Every structure is written in C-alpha cells, then in structure tokens.
Protein backbone atom coordinates (compact mmCIF):
# COMPACT_ATOMS: atom_id res chain seq x y z
CA MET A 1 -0.23 -0.25 0.07
CA LYS A 2 1.20 3.25 -1.43
CA LYS A 3 2.14 5.90 1.55
CA ASN A 4 0.12 9.30 2.09
CA TYR A 5 1.59 12.74 2.91
CA GLU A 6 -0.13 15.65 3.49
CA CYS A 7 1.67 19.35 3.42
CA GLU A 8 2.04 20.82 6.77
CA ARG A 9 2.17 24.44 5.15
CA CYS A 10 -1.44 24.22 3.40
CA GLY A 11 -3.15 20.76 3.71
CA VAL A 12 -2.99 19.18 0.84
CA VAL A 13 -2.72 15.29 0.37
CA THR A 14 -0.94 13.07 -2.07
CA ASP A 15 0.92 9.98 -2.32
CA ASN A 16 3.49 11.68 -3.53
CA ARG A 17 5.86 13.57 -1.62
CA ASP A 18 8.17 15.65 -3.99
CA HIS A 19 5.04 17.25 -4.08
CA LEU A 20 4.92 19.50 -1.35
CA CYS A 21 6.35 21.46 0.82
CA VAL A 22 6.83 20.28 4.04
CA PRO A 23 5.12 16.94 3.51
CA LYS A 24 4.40 15.05 6.34
CA SER A 25 3.21 10.73 6.63
CA VAL A 26 -0.35 10.69 7.89
CA ASP A 27 -1.44 7.00 8.42
CA ASN A 28 -4.62 6.64 6.55
CA ILE A 29 -7.75 8.55 5.73
CA HIS A 30 -9.17 9.75 8.74
CA SER A 31 -6.18 10.82 10.57
CA TYR A 32 -6.57 13.94 8.21
CA CYS A 33 -9.51 13.83 6.45
CA GLY A 34 -12.88 15.72 8.25
CA PHE A 35 -10.26 18.48 9.68
CA ALA A 36 -10.01 21.32 7.92
CA GLY A 37 -6.26 22.51 6.53
CA ASP A 38 -5.61 26.44 5.27
CA VAL A 39 -5.95 25.71 1.49
CA ALA A 40 -5.65 29.29 1.25
CA ASN A 41 -2.21 29.56 1.30
CA MET A 42 -1.83 26.15 -0.98
CA CYS A 43 1.86 25.09 -2.11
CA ASP A 44 2.52 26.91 -5.75
CA SER A 45 4.30 22.83 -6.29
CA ILE A 46 0.45 21.18 -5.50
CA ARG A 47 -1.26 23.65 -7.16
CA GLU A 48 -2.25 22.68 -10.57
CA LYS A 49 -2.10 18.68 -9.16
CA ALA A 50 -5.23 18.94 -6.51
CA ALA A 51 -7.81 18.22 -8.33
CA TYR A 52 -10.39 17.15 -5.36
CA THR A 53 -11.85 18.87 -2.72
CA CYS A 54 -13.50 17.11 0.31
CA VAL A 55 -17.12 18.46 0.61
CA THR A 56 -17.21 18.22 4.47
CA CYS A 57 -13.80 19.96 5.59
CA GLY A 58 -12.51 21.47 2.56
CA ARG A 59 -9.65 19.49 2.21
CA MET A 60 -7.82 19.12 -1.27
CA ALA A 61 -6.14 15.78 -2.84
CA GLU A 62 -4.74 14.42 -6.11
CA LYS A 63 -6.96 11.70 -6.13
CA ALA A 64 -10.38 11.05 -5.53
CA GLU A 65 -9.88 7.87 -2.91
CA MET A 66 -8.02 10.17 -0.85
CA ILE A 67 -10.76 12.71 0.72
CA CYS A 68 -14.42 11.41 1.60
CA GLU A 69 -16.93 13.55 0.27
CA THR A 70 -15.28 14.43 -3.11
CA ILE A 71 -16.20 16.78 -5.78
CA LYS A 72 -13.63 17.89 -8.84
CA LEU A 73 -11.95 20.94 -9.17
CA HIS A 74 -11.03 20.95 -12.53
C-alpha cells in the first residue's frame, strides 16, 4: 500500500511527497480528512495537481480516494 502525505503548510494530501513543500506522513484517511487544512495558502508545487476537494472539510487532494466526500475541481 502506498504511503500518503499531507503538507504541513497547506494541508493538501498526496501519495507523492515530492509534490509537497513540507510533507508529513499520515496514517490513513481518518487521520486528516474531516479536519480543515489551510488551502488558502496552497503550495505552488501542488496547486495544479490538487484535482479534488472534500465537501465535508475542504481538504484538497490529488486523487479522489484520498478524501471522504469528493468534488472534482478541474
């Protein structure tokens, strides 16, 4: 199973730590989804890659399966 990472600066979630400015390993979806991240200050390196947002908490992610209630952004 691939490891997931959250940016400690903006809260975006991905499975590629190289896409984040300040990556931190997260255990599973329940350890971050449902807790709002600061997506207003999203890292430049992830801005175009974050394709989904959670309608529950606003958390953004590269893949739909990384958050609970998804909406495609673009």
